[in-house]
N, C-alpha and C. Protein backbone atom coordinates (compact mmCIF):
# COMPACT_ATOMS: atom_id res chain seq x y z
N UNK A 1 0.80 -1.46 0.17
CA UNK A 1 0.09 0.02 0.27
C UNK A 1 1.11 1.58 -0.01
N UNK A 2 0.59 2.32 -0.63
CA UNK A 2 1.01 3.52 -0.67
C UNK A 2 1.31 4.09 -0.18
N UNK A 3 2.76 5.13 0.79
CA UNK A 3 2.12 5.59 2.02
C UNK A 3 1.82 6.98 1.67
N UNK A 4 0.75 7.46 2.66
CA UNK A 4 0.09 8.85 2.51
C UNK A 4 1.30 10.04 2.47
N UNK A 5 1.14 10.69 1.23
CA UNK A 5 2.43 11.85 1.55
C UNK A 5 2.56 12.75 2.49
N UNK A 6 3.98 13.14 2.92
CA UNK A 6 4.11 14.09 3.83
C UNK A 6 3.80 15.26 3.66
N UNK A 7 2.99 16.22 4.67
CA UNK A 7 3.47 17.42 3.90
C UNK A 7 4.24 18.15 4.50
N UNK A 8 4.77 19.58 3.73
CA UNK A 8 5.25 19.87 3.70
C UNK A 8 5.24 21.33 3.10
N UNK A 9 5.45 22.24 4.27
CA UNK A 9 5.66 23.76 4.05
C UNK A 9 6.62 24.40 3.71
N UNK A 10 6.90 25.36 2.78
CA UNK A 10 8.46 25.66 2.42
C UNK A 10 8.07 27.59 2.62
N UNK A 11 9.10 27.86 2.93
CA UNK A 11 9.24 29.73 2.89
C UNK A 11 8.11 30.13 1.59
N UNK A 12 8.62 29.56 0.49
CA UNK A 12 8.23 30.57 -0.37
C UNK A 12 8.06 30.08 -2.24
N UNK A 13 8.91 29.97 -3.27
CA UNK A 13 8.53 29.77 -4.55
C UNK A 13 9.75 28.64 -4.47
N UNK A 14 10.79 29.99 -4.36
CA UNK A 14 12.53 29.96 -3.76
C UNK A 14 13.01 28.56 -3.60
N UNK A 15 12.04 28.72 -2.41
CA UNK A 15 12.19 27.23 -1.45
C UNK A 15 11.38 25.95 -2.13
N UNK A 16 10.40 25.88 -2.65
CA UNK A 16 10.34 24.86 -2.94
C UNK A 16 10.61 24.65 -4.55
N UNK A 17 10.96 25.40 -5.40
CA UNK A 17 12.08 25.09 -6.56
C UNK A 17 12.98 24.30 -5.66
N UNK A 18 14.07 24.15 -4.79
CA UNK A 18 14.95 24.38 -4.53
C UNK A 18 15.05 22.87 -3.24
N UNK A 19 13.57 22.69 -2.87
CA UNK A 19 12.93 21.33 -2.60
C UNK A 19 13.39 20.42 -3.73
N UNK A 20 12.79 20.87 -4.86
CA UNK A 20 12.39 19.93 -5.99
C UNK A 20 13.24 19.38 -6.68
N UNK A 21 14.20 20.29 -6.59
CA UNK A 21 15.52 20.05 -7.48
C UNK A 21 16.27 18.78 -6.47
N UNK A 22 15.66 18.50 -5.47
CA UNK A 22 16.45 17.84 -4.36
C UNK A 22 15.28 16.06 -4.72
N UNK A 23 14.10 16.71 -4.58
CA UNK A 23 13.30 15.40 -3.97
C UNK A 23 12.63 15.15 -5.48
N UNK A 24 12.81 15.58 -6.70
CA UNK A 24 12.19 15.04 -7.67
C UNK A 24 11.69 13.74 -8.13
N UNK A 25 12.39 12.92 -7.81
CA UNK A 25 12.65 11.69 -8.26
C UNK A 25 11.87 10.64 -7.13
N UNK A 26 11.44 11.60 -5.81
CA UNK A 26 10.54 10.78 -5.07
C UNK A 26 9.32 10.61 -5.19
N UNK A 27 8.54 9.39 -5.25
CA UNK A 27 7.17 9.16 -5.94
C UNK A 27 6.28 8.93 -5.35
N UNK A 28 6.69 9.18 -4.27
CA UNK A 28 5.11 9.49 -3.25
C UNK A 28 4.25 11.31 -3.50
N UNK A 29 5.28 11.62 -3.56
CA UNK A 29 5.09 13.16 -3.09
C UNK A 29 4.32 14.10 -2.25
N UNK A 30 4.41 14.61 -2.53
CA UNK A 30 3.95 15.69 -0.88
C UNK A 30 2.03 16.15 -1.08
N UNK A 31 1.82 16.53 0.09
CA UNK A 31 1.00 17.65 0.37
C UNK A 31 1.83 18.68 0.32
N UNK A 32 1.14 19.84 -0.54
CA UNK A 32 2.01 21.38 -0.36
C UNK A 32 1.23 22.66 0.29
N UNK A 33 1.38 22.84 1.74
CA UNK A 33 0.73 23.82 1.99
C UNK A 33 0.77 25.44 1.17
N UNK A 34 0.01 26.08 0.73
CA UNK A 34 -0.13 26.57 -0.44
C UNK A 34 -0.90 27.59 0.56
N UNK A 35 -0.37 29.35 0.22
CA UNK A 35 -1.15 30.14 1.35
C UNK A 35 -2.89 30.97 0.23
N UNK A 36 -3.59 30.97 1.59
CA UNK A 36 -4.65 31.78 0.78
C UNK A 36 -4.66 32.82 0.44
N UNK A 37 -5.77 33.23 -0.59
CA UNK A 37 -5.06 34.68 -1.25
C UNK A 37 -5.39 35.74 -0.10
N UNK A 38 -4.40 36.33 -0.02
CA UNK A 38 -4.91 37.58 0.91
C UNK A 38 -3.86 37.29 2.34
N UNK A 39 -4.05 36.24 2.62
CA UNK A 39 -3.83 35.99 3.73
C UNK A 39 -2.16 35.88 4.08
N UNK A 40 -2.39 35.67 5.47
CA UNK A 40 -0.27 35.92 6.27
C UNK A 40 -0.27 34.22 6.95
N UNK A 41 0.28 34.41 6.43
CA UNK A 41 0.67 32.48 7.12
C UNK A 41 2.64 32.14 7.33
N UNK A 42 2.28 30.28 7.17
CA UNK A 42 3.88 30.02 7.23
C UNK A 42 4.33 30.09 6.12
N UNK A 43 3.64 30.32 5.02
CA UNK A 43 3.87 30.84 3.51
C UNK A 43 3.61 31.68 2.66
N UNK A 44 4.69 32.38 1.92
CA UNK A 44 4.31 32.81 0.52
C UNK A 44 3.58 32.36 -0.65
N UNK A 45 4.09 31.24 -0.53
CA UNK A 45 3.63 30.57 -2.15
C UNK A 45 2.07 30.21 -2.10
N UNK A 46 2.09 30.36 -3.64
CA UNK A 46 0.68 30.34 -4.15
C UNK A 46 0.24 29.59 -5.17
N UNK A 47 -1.09 29.32 -5.90
CA UNK A 47 -0.95 28.14 -6.74
C UNK A 47 -0.28 28.48 -7.58
N UNK A 48 -0.07 29.06 -8.57
CA UNK A 48 0.54 29.37 -9.93
C UNK A 48 2.21 29.66 -9.98
N UNK A 49 2.54 30.02 -8.85
CA UNK A 49 3.89 29.58 -8.28
C UNK A 49 4.13 28.70 -8.31
N UNK A 50 3.96 26.85 -7.14
CA UNK A 50 3.52 25.83 -7.14
C UNK A 50 3.80 25.18 -7.86
N UNK A 51 2.56 25.32 -9.63
CA UNK A 51 1.97 24.49 -10.45
C UNK A 51 3.81 24.98 -11.69
N UNK A 52 4.14 26.62 -11.45
CA UNK A 52 5.17 26.66 -12.19
C UNK A 52 6.55 25.46 -12.38
N UNK A 53 6.74 25.72 -10.65
CA UNK A 53 7.86 24.30 -10.09
C UNK A 53 7.70 23.49 -10.13
N UNK A 54 6.43 22.99 -10.17
CA UNK A 54 6.38 21.60 -10.62
C UNK A 54 6.61 21.08 -11.37
N UNK A 55 5.87 21.86 -12.47
CA UNK A 55 6.02 21.35 -13.86
C UNK A 55 7.70 21.64 -14.86
N UNK A 56 8.36 22.51 -14.02
CA UNK A 56 9.92 22.73 -14.49
C UNK A 56 10.46 21.25 -14.00
N UNK A 57 9.95 20.25 -12.79
CA UNK A 57 10.55 19.34 -12.69
C UNK A 57 9.97 18.40 -12.57
N UNK A 58 8.65 18.52 -13.39
CA UNK A 58 8.14 17.04 -14.28
C UNK A 58 7.26 16.48 -13.04
N UNK A 59 6.48 17.35 -12.34
CA UNK A 59 5.60 17.06 -11.21
C UNK A 59 4.13 17.60 -12.21
N UNK A 60 2.91 17.28 -11.38
CA UNK A 60 1.50 17.80 -11.53
C UNK A 60 1.19 17.57 -10.50
N UNK A 61 -0.27 18.67 -10.01
CA UNK A 61 -0.56 19.19 -9.01
C UNK A 61 -2.09 18.06 -8.88
N UNK A 62 -2.71 17.87 -8.48
CA UNK A 62 -3.79 17.11 -7.74
C UNK A 62 -4.90 17.76 -6.75
N UNK A 63 -5.48 16.47 -5.88
CA UNK A 63 -6.33 17.35 -4.97
C UNK A 63 -5.86 17.41 -4.09
N UNK A 64 -7.36 18.80 -3.73
CA UNK A 64 -6.92 20.04 -2.76
C UNK A 64 -7.33 19.03 -1.71
N UNK A 65 -7.48 19.76 -0.10
CA UNK A 65 -7.45 19.40 0.81
C UNK A 65 -7.53 21.25 1.72
N UNK A 66 -8.69 20.52 2.38
CA UNK A 66 -8.37 22.34 3.58
C UNK A 66 -7.44 21.95 4.49
N UNK A 67 -7.03 23.05 5.27
CA UNK A 67 -6.17 22.94 6.20
C UNK A 67 -6.49 24.08 7.61
N UNK A 68 -6.56 25.38 7.29
CA UNK A 68 -6.86 26.37 8.00
C UNK A 68 -7.41 27.39 7.17
N UNK A 69 -7.30 28.66 8.48
CA UNK A 69 -8.20 30.02 7.94
C UNK A 69 -6.64 30.81 7.10
N UNK A 70 -5.76 29.94 6.31
CA UNK A 70 -4.46 31.15 6.16
C UNK A 70 -4.75 30.51 5.17
N UNK A 71 -4.35 28.71 5.19
CA UNK A 71 -3.32 27.86 4.02
C UNK A 71 -4.63 26.50 3.81
N UNK A 72 -4.33 26.07 2.56
CA UNK A 72 -5.22 25.13 2.20
C UNK A 72 -3.93 24.30 1.77
N UNK A 73 -4.39 22.46 1.24
CA UNK A 73 -3.00 21.60 0.95
C UNK A 73 -3.44 21.08 -0.19
N UNK A 74 -1.97 21.14 -0.98
CA UNK A 74 -2.65 20.67 -2.40
C UNK A 74 -1.16 19.66 -2.74
N UNK A 75 -1.36 19.09 -3.63
CA UNK A 75 -0.74 17.47 -3.67
C UNK A 75 -0.23 17.95 -4.93
N UNK A 76 0.94 17.47 -4.75
CA UNK A 76 1.89 17.58 -6.11
C UNK A 76 2.41 16.32 -5.86
N UNK A 77 2.83 15.77 -7.19
CA UNK A 77 3.52 14.58 -7.05
C UNK A 77 4.14 14.48 -9.36
N UNK A 78 5.17 13.28 -8.92
CA UNK A 78 5.77 12.87 -10.17
C UNK A 78 4.52 12.75 -11.19
N UNK A 79 4.84 13.14 -12.53
CA UNK A 79 3.84 12.29 -13.16
C UNK A 79 4.28 11.57 -13.81
N UNK A 80 2.50 10.75 -13.52
CA UNK A 80 2.78 9.15 -14.23
C UNK A 80 3.07 8.95 -15.13
N UNK A 81 3.31 7.72 -16.04
CA UNK A 81 3.52 7.19 -17.58
C UNK A 81 2.31 7.85 -17.81
N UNK A 82 2.66 7.83 -18.82
CA UNK A 82 1.04 7.86 -19.70
C UNK A 82 0.12 9.24 -19.78
N UNK A 83 0.46 9.72 -18.84
CA UNK A 83 -0.58 10.88 -17.91
C UNK A 83 -1.05 11.89 -19.05
N UNK A 84 -1.75 12.24 -19.48
CA UNK A 84 -2.55 13.26 -20.14
C UNK A 84 -2.34 14.26 -19.92
N UNK A 85 -1.64 15.43 -21.11
CA UNK A 85 -1.50 16.70 -20.78
C UNK A 85 -2.93 17.29 -20.46
N UNK A 86 -2.92 19.03 -20.37
CA UNK A 86 -3.88 20.18 -20.27
C UNK A 86 -2.98 21.22 -21.21
N UNK A 87 -4.17 21.75 -22.12
CA UNK A 87 -3.64 22.60 -22.83
C UNK A 87 -2.95 23.68 -21.64
N UNK A 88 -3.56 24.02 -21.11
CA UNK A 88 -3.58 24.45 -19.93
C UNK A 88 -1.56 24.58 -19.66
N UNK A 89 -1.74 23.23 -19.42
CA UNK A 89 -0.60 22.97 -19.14
C UNK A 89 0.87 23.29 -20.06
N UNK A 90 0.63 22.71 -21.24
CA UNK A 90 1.40 22.60 -22.15
C UNK A 90 1.56 24.43 -22.67
N UNK A 91 0.77 25.23 -22.09
CA UNK A 91 0.49 26.54 -22.78
C UNK A 91 2.10 27.27 -22.03
N UNK A 92 2.10 26.63 -20.31
CA UNK A 92 2.70 26.84 -19.28
C UNK A 92 4.01 26.55 -19.21
N UNK A 93 4.31 25.27 -20.08
CA UNK A 93 5.59 24.79 -20.07
C UNK A 93 6.27 25.68 -21.60
N UNK A 94 5.21 25.95 -22.56
CA UNK A 94 6.38 27.03 -23.55
C UNK A 94 6.66 28.36 -22.74
N UNK A 95 5.99 29.17 -21.76
CA UNK A 95 6.26 30.06 -20.93
C UNK A 95 7.54 29.47 -20.62
N UNK A 96 7.55 28.86 -19.25
CA UNK A 96 8.84 28.24 -18.59
C UNK A 96 10.24 27.76 -20.11
N UNK A 97 9.75 27.09 -21.12
CA UNK A 97 10.36 26.98 -21.64
C UNK A 97 11.34 28.64 -22.06
N UNK A 98 11.11 29.53 -22.39
CA UNK A 98 10.99 30.54 -22.66
C UNK A 98 11.56 31.52 -22.14
N UNK A 99 11.48 30.59 -20.66
CA UNK A 99 12.19 31.64 -19.67
C UNK A 99 13.31 31.06 -19.15
N UNK A 100 13.74 29.94 -19.44
CA UNK A 100 14.78 29.23 -19.21
C UNK A 100 14.91 28.22 -18.17
N UNK A 101 13.72 28.23 -17.30
CA UNK A 101 13.76 26.92 -16.27
C UNK A 101 13.05 26.01 -16.02
N UNK A 102 13.36 25.57 -17.17
CA UNK A 102 12.81 23.85 -17.43
C UNK A 102 14.36 23.18 -16.50
N UNK A 103 13.61 22.60 -15.84
CA UNK A 103 14.83 21.28 -15.48
C UNK A 103 14.89 20.47 -15.88
N UNK A 104 16.08 19.40 -15.85
CA UNK A 104 16.30 18.41 -16.84
C UNK A 104 14.76 17.20 -16.76
N UNK A 105 14.74 16.86 -15.58
CA UNK A 105 13.82 16.54 -15.11
C UNK A 105 12.05 16.79 -15.96
N UNK A 106 12.06 17.72 -15.84
CA UNK A 106 10.26 18.44 -16.60
C UNK A 106 10.85 18.36 -17.91
N UNK A 107 12.24 18.48 -18.67
CA UNK A 107 12.03 18.58 -19.81
C UNK A 107 12.17 16.92 -20.12
N UNK A 108 12.88 16.18 -19.89
CA UNK A 108 12.92 14.54 -19.59
C UNK A 108 10.89 14.45 -20.36
N UNK A 109 10.16 14.89 -19.18
CA UNK A 109 8.77 14.87 -19.43
C UNK A 109 7.93 15.09 -20.60
N UNK A 110 8.35 16.21 -20.81
CA UNK A 110 7.99 16.79 -22.24
C UNK A 110 8.52 16.25 -23.09
N UNK A 111 10.12 15.60 -23.81
CA UNK A 111 10.39 15.07 -25.12
C UNK A 111 9.14 13.44 -24.59
N UNK A 112 9.57 13.15 -23.57
CA UNK A 112 7.85 11.48 -23.57
C UNK A 112 6.68 12.17 -24.44
N UNK A 113 6.43 12.74 -24.01
CA UNK A 113 5.05 13.31 -24.38
C UNK A 113 4.94 13.76 -25.57
N UNK A 114 6.10 14.40 -26.36
CA UNK A 114 6.11 14.71 -27.58
C UNK A 114 6.10 14.04 -28.70
N UNK A 115 6.90 12.56 -28.16
CA UNK A 115 7.29 10.77 -28.28
C UNK A 115 5.91 9.80 -28.39
N UNK A 116 5.43 10.77 -27.58
CA UNK A 116 4.11 9.52 -27.90
C UNK A 116 2.84 10.04 -28.26
N UNK A 117 3.48 11.47 -28.15
CA UNK A 117 1.83 12.19 -28.89
C UNK A 117 0.93 12.61 -27.84
N UNK A 118 1.47 12.39 -26.28
CA UNK A 118 0.56 13.33 -25.55
C UNK A 118 0.50 14.69 -25.44
N UNK A 119 1.87 15.20 -26.39
CA UNK A 119 1.40 16.56 -26.28
C UNK A 119 0.83 17.95 -27.52
N UNK A 120 0.64 16.49 -28.56
CA UNK A 120 -0.29 17.25 -29.51
C UNK A 120 -1.57 16.94 -28.65
N UNK A 121 -1.85 15.63 -28.01
CA UNK A 121 -3.15 14.99 -28.38
C UNK A 121 -3.70 16.35 -26.35
N UNK A 122 -3.14 16.95 -26.53
CA UNK A 122 -3.70 18.06 -24.99
C UNK A 122 -4.86 18.33 -24.92
N UNK A 123 -5.28 18.25 -24.15
CA UNK A 123 -7.24 18.26 -23.62
C UNK A 123 -7.17 19.88 -23.39
N UNK A 124 -8.46 20.55 -23.62
CA UNK A 124 -9.22 21.71 -22.77
C UNK A 124 -8.80 21.89 -21.34
N UNK A 125 -8.71 22.41 -21.09
CA UNK A 125 -9.55 22.93 -19.48
C UNK A 125 -10.96 23.13 -19.60
N UNK A 126 -11.64 23.24 -18.95
CA UNK A 126 -12.96 23.41 -18.10
C UNK A 126 -14.04 24.26 -18.96
N UNK A 127 -13.00 25.78 -18.92
CA UNK A 127 -13.54 27.16 -19.57
C UNK A 127 -13.73 26.65 -20.68
N UNK A 128 -12.76 26.52 -21.50
CA UNK A 128 -12.89 26.49 -23.19
C UNK A 128 -12.64 25.12 -23.79
N UNK A 129 -13.27 24.12 -22.98
CA UNK A 129 -13.62 22.50 -23.62
C UNK A 129 -14.38 22.91 -24.54
N UNK A 130 -14.75 22.49 -26.18
CA UNK A 130 -15.57 22.34 -26.78
C UNK A 130 -16.17 21.46 -27.60
N UNK A 131 -17.67 21.50 -28.20
CA UNK A 131 -18.09 19.74 -28.02
C UNK A 131 -17.36 19.69 -29.57
N UNK A 132 -16.95 18.43 -29.29
CA UNK A 132 -16.50 17.78 -30.26
C UNK A 132 -17.50 17.57 -31.71
N UNK A 133 -16.83 17.00 -32.60
CA UNK A 133 -17.79 17.06 -33.62
C UNK A 133 -18.76 15.61 -34.43
N UNK A 134 -17.78 14.31 -33.45
CA UNK A 134 -17.89 13.42 -32.76
C UNK A 134 -19.30 13.38 -32.38
N UNK A 135 -19.28 13.51 -31.13
CA UNK A 135 -20.02 14.30 -30.26
C UNK A 135 -21.43 14.98 -30.72
N UNK A 136 -20.67 15.66 -30.99
CA UNK A 136 -22.35 16.56 -32.19
C UNK A 136 -23.18 16.15 -32.47
N UNK A 137 -22.45 15.91 -33.47
CA UNK A 137 -22.85 14.27 -34.58
C UNK A 137 -23.85 13.35 -33.44
N UNK A 138 -23.57 12.54 -32.86
CA UNK A 138 -24.69 11.89 -32.12
C UNK A 138 -25.37 12.45 -31.68
N UNK A 139 -25.31 13.55 -30.71
CA UNK A 139 -26.21 14.25 -30.07
C UNK A 139 -27.41 14.01 -31.04
N UNK A 140 -26.90 15.06 -32.05
CA UNK A 140 -28.54 15.44 -32.91
C UNK A 140 -28.89 14.63 -33.63
N UNK A 141 -28.30 13.19 -33.61
CA UNK A 141 -29.23 11.96 -34.07
C UNK A 141 -29.99 11.51 -32.76
N UNK A 142 -30.00 11.70 -31.40
CA UNK A 142 -30.70 11.49 -30.46
C UNK A 142 -30.84 12.74 -29.45
N UNK A 143 -32.28 13.31 -30.25
CA UNK A 143 -32.87 14.34 -29.12
C UNK A 143 -32.99 14.43 -27.93
N UNK A 144 -33.35 13.52 -27.22
CA UNK A 144 -33.49 13.43 -25.76
C UNK A 144 -31.98 13.55 -25.00
N UNK A 145 -30.82 12.98 -25.48
CA UNK A 145 -29.41 13.38 -25.06
C UNK A 145 -29.26 14.56 -25.40
N UNK A 146 -29.68 15.08 -26.50
CA UNK A 146 -29.13 16.19 -26.59
C UNK A 146 -29.95 17.36 -26.45
N UNK A 147 -31.45 16.87 -25.59
CA UNK A 147 -31.67 18.22 -24.52
C UNK A 147 -31.57 17.97 -22.99
N UNK A 148 -30.86 16.40 -22.80
CA UNK A 148 -30.25 16.37 -21.65
C UNK A 148 -28.89 17.18 -21.52
N UNK A 149 -28.36 16.78 -22.19
CA UNK A 149 -26.43 17.44 -22.68
C UNK A 149 -26.89 19.02 -22.25
N UNK A 150 -27.86 19.71 -23.24
CA UNK A 150 -28.57 21.20 -23.10
C UNK A 150 -28.36 22.00 -21.35
N UNK A 151 -28.81 20.64 -20.50
CA UNK A 151 -29.29 21.46 -19.45
C UNK A 151 -27.59 21.32 -18.03
N UNK A 152 -27.20 20.32 -18.62
CA UNK A 152 -25.81 20.21 -17.67
C UNK A 152 -24.89 20.88 -17.14
N UNK A 153 -24.63 20.79 -16.00
CA UNK A 153 -23.99 22.14 -14.95
C UNK A 153 -22.52 21.47 -15.80
N UNK A 154 -22.09 22.77 -15.58
CA UNK A 154 -20.69 22.90 -16.57
C UNK A 154 -19.83 21.75 -15.36
N UNK A 155 -19.55 21.43 -14.59
CA UNK A 155 -19.45 19.55 -14.15
C UNK A 155 -19.26 18.46 -14.85
N UNK A 156 -20.82 18.26 -14.91
CA UNK A 156 -21.15 16.89 -15.61
C UNK A 156 -20.65 17.33 -17.14
N UNK A 157 -20.23 18.59 -17.83
CA UNK A 157 -20.86 18.89 -19.16
C UNK A 157 -19.35 18.32 -19.70
N UNK A 158 -18.20 19.34 -18.67
CA UNK A 158 -16.69 19.16 -19.12
C UNK A 158 -16.09 17.14 -18.69
N UNK A 159 -17.25 16.92 -17.80
CA UNK A 159 -16.60 15.28 -17.17
C UNK A 159 -16.65 14.46 -18.54
N UNK A 160 -17.96 14.86 -19.11
CA UNK A 160 -17.86 14.49 -20.49
C UNK A 160 -16.77 14.22 -21.52
N UNK A 161 -16.91 15.73 -21.88
CA UNK A 161 -15.69 16.06 -22.64
C UNK A 161 -14.49 15.61 -22.17
N UNK A 162 -14.26 15.54 -20.89
CA UNK A 162 -13.23 15.22 -20.88
C UNK A 162 -12.50 13.64 -21.06
N UNK A 163 -13.45 13.10 -20.67
CA UNK A 163 -13.74 11.71 -20.86
C UNK A 163 -13.38 10.93 -22.31
N UNK A 164 -13.60 12.23 -22.86
CA UNK A 164 -13.62 11.95 -24.88
C UNK A 164 -12.09 12.48 -24.68
N UNK A 165 -12.03 13.38 -24.60
CA UNK A 165 -10.66 13.99 -24.93
C UNK A 165 -9.28 13.41 -24.47
N UNK A 166 -9.63 12.80 -23.27
CA UNK A 166 -8.79 11.76 -22.66
C UNK A 166 -8.25 9.80 -23.26
N UNK A 167 -9.76 9.61 -23.67
CA UNK A 167 -9.24 8.66 -24.43
C UNK A 167 -8.28 8.35 -25.09
N UNK A 168 -7.29 7.37 -24.95
CA UNK A 168 -5.87 6.85 -25.73
C UNK A 168 -6.12 6.38 -27.38
N UNK A 169 -7.55 5.81 -27.21
CA UNK A 169 -7.64 4.54 -28.38
C UNK A 169 -8.91 5.34 -28.89
N UNK A 170 -9.04 5.25 -30.43
CA UNK A 170 -9.96 5.35 -31.22
C UNK A 170 -11.21 3.95 -30.41
N UNK A 171 -10.99 3.34 -30.41
CA UNK A 171 -11.99 2.43 -29.93
C UNK A 171 -12.69 2.85 -28.05
N UNK A 172 -11.97 2.94 -27.84
CA UNK A 172 -12.61 3.33 -26.02
C UNK A 172 -12.84 4.57 -26.76
N UNK A 173 -12.43 5.48 -27.29
CA UNK A 173 -13.31 6.96 -28.12
C UNK A 173 -15.19 6.46 -28.02
N UNK A 174 -14.67 5.48 -28.87
CA UNK A 174 -16.66 5.67 -29.69
C UNK A 174 -16.97 4.48 -28.05
N UNK A 175 -16.57 3.61 -27.43
CA UNK A 175 -17.68 3.04 -26.79
C UNK A 175 -17.54 4.40 -25.47
N UNK A 176 -17.49 5.19 -25.65
CA UNK A 176 -17.46 6.19 -24.63
C UNK A 176 -18.32 7.25 -24.61
N UNK A 177 -18.00 7.37 -26.10
CA UNK A 177 -19.35 8.15 -26.98
C UNK A 177 -20.79 8.05 -26.70
N UNK A 178 -20.78 6.29 -27.05
CA UNK A 178 -21.74 5.50 -27.37
C UNK A 178 -22.57 5.34 -25.54
N UNK A 179 -21.59 5.43 -25.03
CA UNK A 179 -22.01 5.12 -23.80
C UNK A 179 -22.58 6.81 -23.46
N UNK A 180 -22.14 7.55 -23.05
CA UNK A 180 -22.50 8.81 -22.82
C UNK A 180 -23.66 9.10 -23.16
N UNK A 181 -24.14 8.98 -24.72
CA UNK A 181 -25.07 9.21 -25.10
C UNK A 181 -26.46 8.39 -24.86
N UNK A 182 -25.88 7.24 -24.69
CA UNK A 182 -27.80 6.32 -23.78
C UNK A 182 -27.64 6.82 -22.43
N UNK A 183 -26.81 7.21 -21.67
CA UNK A 183 -26.90 7.76 -20.20
C UNK A 183 -27.66 9.14 -20.33
N UNK A 184 -27.30 9.54 -21.31
CA UNK A 184 -28.19 11.16 -21.33
C UNK A 184 -30.07 11.34 -21.92
N UNK A 185 -29.87 10.13 -23.02
CA UNK A 185 -30.81 9.68 -23.35
C UNK A 185 -32.19 9.37 -22.38
N UNK A 186 -31.09 8.75 -21.24
CA UNK A 186 -32.04 8.19 -20.08
C UNK A 186 -31.93 9.01 -19.69
N UNK A 187 -31.54 10.23 -18.94
CA UNK A 187 -31.86 11.57 -18.14
C UNK A 187 -30.67 11.36 -17.47
N UNK A 188 -29.53 11.24 -17.42
CA UNK A 188 -29.03 10.22 -16.18
C UNK A 188 -27.71 11.56 -16.95
N UNK A 189 -26.54 11.31 -15.34
CA UNK A 189 -25.69 12.41 -15.73
C UNK A 189 -24.39 12.02 -14.06
N UNK A 190 -23.52 11.91 -14.66
CA UNK A 190 -22.03 11.86 -13.97
C UNK A 190 -22.08 11.74 -12.22
N UNK A 191 -22.22 12.75 -12.31
CA UNK A 191 -22.79 13.62 -10.69
C UNK A 191 -23.96 14.14 -10.38
N UNK A 192 -24.11 14.47 -10.00
CA UNK A 192 -25.68 14.77 -9.53
C UNK A 192 -26.29 15.91 -9.89
N UNK A 193 -27.11 16.69 -9.88
CA UNK A 193 -27.68 17.86 -11.07
C UNK A 193 -29.25 17.90 -10.01
N UNK A 194 -29.04 19.05 -10.17
CA UNK A 194 -31.35 19.45 -9.51
C UNK A 194 -31.67 19.22 -11.06
N UNK A 195 -31.39 20.09 -12.19
CA UNK A 195 -31.84 20.27 -13.22
C UNK A 195 -32.22 18.93 -13.85
N UNK A 196 -32.97 18.02 -14.71
CA UNK A 196 -33.22 17.19 -15.28
C UNK A 196 -34.17 17.16 -16.71
N UNK A 197 -34.45 16.68 -17.80
CA UNK A 197 -35.12 17.03 -18.39
C UNK A 197 -36.52 16.76 -18.30
N UNK A 198 -37.26 15.98 -17.07
CA UNK A 198 -38.35 16.36 -16.85
C UNK A 198 -38.96 17.38 -15.99
N UNK A 199 -37.63 17.87 -15.25
CA UNK A 199 -37.93 19.29 -14.81
C UNK A 199 -36.90 20.42 -15.23
N UNK A 200 -36.18 21.01 -16.36
CA UNK A 200 -35.55 21.50 -16.69
C UNK A 200 -35.44 22.77 -16.08
N UNK A 201 -36.47 22.99 -15.24
CA UNK A 201 -36.28 24.55 -14.49
C UNK A 201 -35.47 24.06 -13.23
């Protein structure tokens, strides 16, 4: 069983970078303590700074947990093999490369992603994700599924788009697509929501 990652508090972004330089090969990662906006606490490190340094060293962010009124905890771990890339993180890495900040461990992850196609297949984030043509066509052929898709919450909508975008094989994508359309036609969702086909208001 994998050990629970330790909590890590560093003073600032520079200290986080030094820690990653020494520990980037640690497989379990850490629960990194981050400062809430406008709070005074044991660290000045915020999420954007932490993510920059993590990507520089081949790490990615994960789960979030509350901590206290001034701070919260964000899970950071080494990127797993075949882990998909988001378009947002691809853009951040492009900036970090231009700034000359990438560590060899981070560069190695980028090269692996480019070599196996994950870099070019980077998925859009929730704010920019668009309905792909195959899903749009399938929904057009099933009006009840289309009606349900139109009233999905942002979370449910993105959950479908993300699962389609991150399918590694064409047959996997087609299977998921069929499952989602059937689910929507039944008026069901991946996550609970109040609005339904029977009560769209």
